[in-house]
Amino acid sequence: MILMALVAKSSTKSKNPLVVLFFLISFSIYTFYCIYHQGSFVRGLGWRTRAEYPFSYNITLAFAIIFPVGTIVKHIFWHIKKNRTEYS
């Protein structure tokens, strides 16, 4: 019960912008690495090329693009909403 209260409390709290920036940079580096080397890491098998596992490669790239873009858009909307409520 206490754990659920802590989780609920922490989810409403704003994330540290430095942690978000670190996430975006590290995820982007991994994405560019996968694109440059034409492969991805497959659990249980290790590094595999795009020719060997095209589905895994495409899923990795899709999530590697969706997560950072979604994070950036979320923060932009959050700042717009925050500024509107401050000046209202």
Protein backbone atom coordinates (compact mmCIF):
# COMPACT_ATOMS: atom_id res chain seq x y z
CA MET A 1 0.00 0.00 0.00
CA ILE A 2 2.80 2.40 0.88
CA LEU A 3 4.63 1.49 -2.31
CA MET A 4 1.58 2.34 -4.42
CA ALA A 5 1.28 5.69 -2.67
CA LEU A 6 4.95 6.42 -3.38
CA VAL A 7 4.57 5.42 -7.02
CA ALA A 8 1.48 7.59 -7.42
CA LYS A 9 3.22 10.50 -5.73
CA SER A 10 6.37 10.20 -7.85
CA SER A 11 4.44 9.91 -11.12
CA THR A 12 2.88 13.34 -10.65
CA LYS A 13 6.23 14.89 -9.85
CA SER A 14 8.24 16.41 -12.69
CA LYS A 15 11.25 14.45 -13.88
CA ASN A 16 14.74 15.87 -13.58
CA PRO A 17 15.53 17.53 -16.93
CA LEU A 18 19.13 16.30 -16.80
CA VAL A 19 17.95 12.69 -16.53
CA VAL A 20 15.62 13.23 -19.47
CA LEU A 21 18.43 14.83 -21.48
CA PHE A 22 20.75 11.92 -20.64
CA PHE A 23 18.07 9.46 -21.77
CA LEU A 24 17.54 11.31 -25.05
CA ILE A 25 21.26 11.55 -25.82
CA SER A 26 22.04 7.93 -24.95
CA PHE A 27 19.03 6.59 -26.85
CA SER A 28 19.92 8.71 -29.87
CA ILE A 29 23.52 7.46 -29.81
CA TYR A 30 22.30 3.85 -29.75
CA THR A 31 19.89 4.56 -32.61
CA PHE A 32 22.60 6.10 -34.78
CA TYR A 33 24.90 3.17 -33.92
CA CYS A 34 22.24 0.68 -35.04
CA ILE A 35 21.65 2.60 -38.27
CA TYR A 36 25.35 2.97 -39.03
CA HIS A 37 26.18 -0.71 -38.40
CA GLN A 38 22.88 -1.97 -39.88
CA GLY A 39 22.04 -4.22 -36.95
CA SER A 40 20.49 -4.45 -33.51
CA PHE A 41 20.89 -6.35 -30.26
CA VAL A 42 18.64 -9.41 -30.09
CA ARG A 43 18.03 -10.79 -26.61
CA GLY A 44 19.61 -14.19 -26.14
CA LEU A 45 21.47 -14.02 -29.44
CA GLY A 46 23.55 -10.85 -29.25
CA TRP A 47 24.27 -8.46 -32.11
CA ARG A 48 22.54 -9.45 -35.34
CA THR A 49 22.54 -7.69 -38.69
CA ARG A 50 19.52 -6.29 -40.45
CA ALA A 51 19.73 -9.06 -43.06
CA GLU A 52 19.59 -11.81 -40.40
CA TYR A 53 16.77 -10.35 -38.28
CA PRO A 54 14.94 -7.61 -40.21
CA PHE A 55 11.87 -7.62 -37.95
CA SER A 56 13.95 -7.11 -34.80
CA TYR A 57 15.94 -4.36 -36.51
CA ASN A 58 12.79 -2.53 -37.64
CA ILE A 59 11.15 -2.80 -34.21
CA THR A 60 14.32 -1.48 -32.56
CA LEU A 61 14.44 1.51 -34.88
CA ALA A 62 10.72 2.20 -34.53
CA PHE A 63 10.93 2.33 -30.73
CA ALA A 64 14.24 4.18 -30.85
CA ILE A 65 12.55 6.93 -32.84
CA ILE A 66 9.13 6.93 -31.12
CA PHE A 67 10.37 7.12 -27.49
CA PRO A 68 12.66 10.18 -27.80
CA VAL A 69 10.25 12.05 -30.07
CA GLY A 70 7.39 11.28 -27.69
CA THR A 71 9.45 12.47 -24.73
CA ILE A 72 10.32 15.73 -26.46
CA VAL A 73 6.69 16.35 -27.50
CA LYS A 74 5.47 15.54 -23.98
CA HIS A 75 7.87 18.04 -22.44
CA ILE A 76 6.93 20.74 -24.95
CA PHE A 77 3.22 20.29 -24.19
CA TRP A 78 3.95 20.16 -20.45
CA HIS A 79 5.82 23.49 -20.59
CA ILE A 80 3.07 25.10 -22.70
CA LYS A 81 0.42 23.90 -20.24
CA LYS A 82 2.52 25.05 -17.27
CA ASN A 83 3.00 28.52 -18.74
CA ARG A 84 -0.71 28.89 -19.53
CA THR A 85 -1.75 28.01 -15.98
CA GLU A 86 0.80 30.40 -14.45
CA TYR A 87 -0.47 33.39 -16.41
CA SER A 88 -4.18 32.61 -16.18
